Amino acid sequence: MDLALGFLTFGTMGFVMVFGYLQSRAMEERMKRGGPKSSLSRDGAAERLAAIRASENTNQS
């Protein structure tokens, strides 16, 4: 029983650590590529609104 509990404990902790590492690497890659900013940030919201306005102007022409 103790062996299974230890395996589950350290297995869970290891999974969380690996998942966190992979997520941080993915976020760094996304930042390097210059992907879209969060819509919750002030400049991200302005960026999205500008893109919407540009697409509306293109559709109207």
C-alpha atoms as a PDB file:
ATOM      1  CA  MET A   1       0.000   0.000   0.000  1.00  0.00           C
ATOM      2  CA  ASP A   2       2.826   2.384   0.864  1.00  0.00           C
ATOM      3  CA  LEU A   3       4.527   1.685  -2.430  1.00  0.00           C
ATOM      4  CA  ALA A   4       1.379   2.530  -4.413  1.00  0.00           C
ATOM      5  CA  LEU A   5       0.833   5.707  -2.400  1.00  0.00           C
ATOM      6  CA  GLY A   6       4.419   6.820  -3.029  1.00  0.00           C
ATOM      7  CA  PHE A   7       4.141   6.019  -6.712  1.00  0.00           C
ATOM      8  CA  LEU A   8       0.909   7.986  -7.060  1.00  0.00           C
ATOM      9  CA  THR A   9       2.278  10.915  -5.067  1.00  0.00           C
ATOM     10  CA  PHE A  10       5.540  11.268  -6.948  1.00  0.00           C
ATOM     11  CA  GLY A  11       3.924  10.356 -10.253  1.00  0.00           C
ATOM     12  CA  THR A  12       1.406  13.169  -9.835  1.00  0.00           C
ATOM     13  CA  MET A  13       4.084  15.646  -8.806  1.00  0.00           C
ATOM     14  CA  GLY A  14       6.249  14.607 -11.746  1.00  0.00           C
ATOM     15  CA  PHE A  15       3.355  14.975 -14.164  1.00  0.00           C
ATOM     16  CA  VAL A  16       2.568  18.460 -12.869  1.00  0.00           C
ATOM     17  CA  MET A  17       6.204  19.503 -13.163  1.00  0.00           C
ATOM     18  CA  VAL A  18       6.548  18.195 -16.724  1.00  0.00           C
ATOM     19  CA  PHE A  19       3.237  19.745 -17.780  1.00  0.00           C
ATOM     20  CA  GLY A  20       4.256  23.113 -16.309  1.00  0.00           C
ATOM     21  CA  TYR A  21       7.607  22.964 -18.066  1.00  0.00           C
ATOM     22  CA  LEU A  22       6.025  22.170 -21.427  1.00  0.00           C
ATOM     23  CA  GLN A  23       3.486  24.958 -21.020  1.00  0.00           C
ATOM     24  CA  SER A  24       6.195  27.501 -20.195  1.00  0.00           C
ATOM     25  CA  ARG A  25       8.193  26.422 -23.278  1.00  0.00           C
ATOM     26  CA  ALA A  26       5.094  26.767 -25.463  1.00  0.00           C
ATOM     27  CA  MET A  27       4.425  30.245 -24.065  1.00  0.00           C
ATOM     28  CA  GLU A  28       8.011  31.330 -24.742  1.00  0.00           C
ATOM     29  CA  GLU A  29       7.751  30.091 -28.334  1.00  0.00           C
ATOM     30  CA  ARG A  30       4.485  31.950 -28.809  1.00  0.00           C
ATOM     31  CA  MET A  31       6.061  35.139 -27.454  1.00  0.00           C
ATOM     32  CA  LYS A  32       9.073  34.777 -29.796  1.00  0.00           C
ATOM     33  CA  ARG A  33       6.836  34.341 -32.844  1.00  0.00           C
ATOM     34  CA  GLY A  34       4.891  37.475 -31.947  1.00  0.00           C
ATOM     35  CA  GLY A  35       1.528  35.791 -31.595  1.00  0.00           C
ATOM     36  CA  PRO A  36      -1.618  37.607 -30.549  1.00  0.00           C
ATOM     37  CA  LYS A  37      -1.633  39.216 -27.132  1.00  0.00           C
ATOM     38  CA  SER A  38      -4.178  38.452 -24.472  1.00  0.00           C
ATOM     39  CA  SER A  39      -7.526  40.118 -25.049  1.00  0.00           C
ATOM     40  CA  LEU A  40      -7.548  40.964 -21.334  1.00  0.00           C
ATOM     41  CA  SER A  41      -4.609  43.350 -21.656  1.00  0.00           C
ATOM     42  CA  ARG A  42      -5.152  46.935 -22.746  1.00  0.00           C
ATOM     43  CA  ASP A  43      -2.898  46.741 -25.790  1.00  0.00           C
ATOM     44  CA  GLY A  44      -4.197  43.280 -26.687  1.00  0.00           C
ATOM     45  CA  ALA A  45      -7.780  44.535 -26.751  1.00  0.00           C
ATOM     46  CA  ALA A  46      -6.747  47.502 -28.897  1.00  0.00           C
ATOM     47  CA  GLU A  47      -4.912  45.139 -31.254  1.00  0.00           C
ATOM     48  CA  ARG A  48      -8.001  42.967 -31.688  1.00  0.00           C
ATOM     49  CA  LEU A  49     -10.301  45.934 -32.229  1.00  0.00           C
ATOM     50  CA  ALA A  50      -7.951  47.343 -34.863  1.00  0.00           C
ATOM     51  CA  ALA A  51      -7.928  43.995 -36.662  1.00  0.00           C
ATOM     52  CA  ILE A  52     -11.734  43.842 -36.607  1.00  0.00           C
ATOM     53  CA  ARG A  53     -12.020  47.392 -37.947  1.00  0.00           C
ATOM     54  CA  ALA A  54      -9.502  46.645 -40.699  1.00  0.00           C
ATOM     55  CA  SER A  55     -11.408  43.531 -41.771  1.00  0.00           C
ATOM     56  CA  GLU A  56     -14.698  45.479 -41.773  1.00  0.00           C
ATOM     57  CA  ASN A  57     -13.141  48.194 -43.978  1.00  0.00           C
ATOM     58  CA  THR A  58     -11.837  45.536 -46.359  1.00  0.00           C
ATOM     59  CA  ASN A  59     -15.246  43.868 -46.567  1.00  0.00           C
ATOM     60  CA  GLN A  60     -17.012  47.170 -47.266  1.00  0.00           C
ATOM     61  CA  SER A  61     -14.731  48.070 -50.175  1.00  0.00           C
END
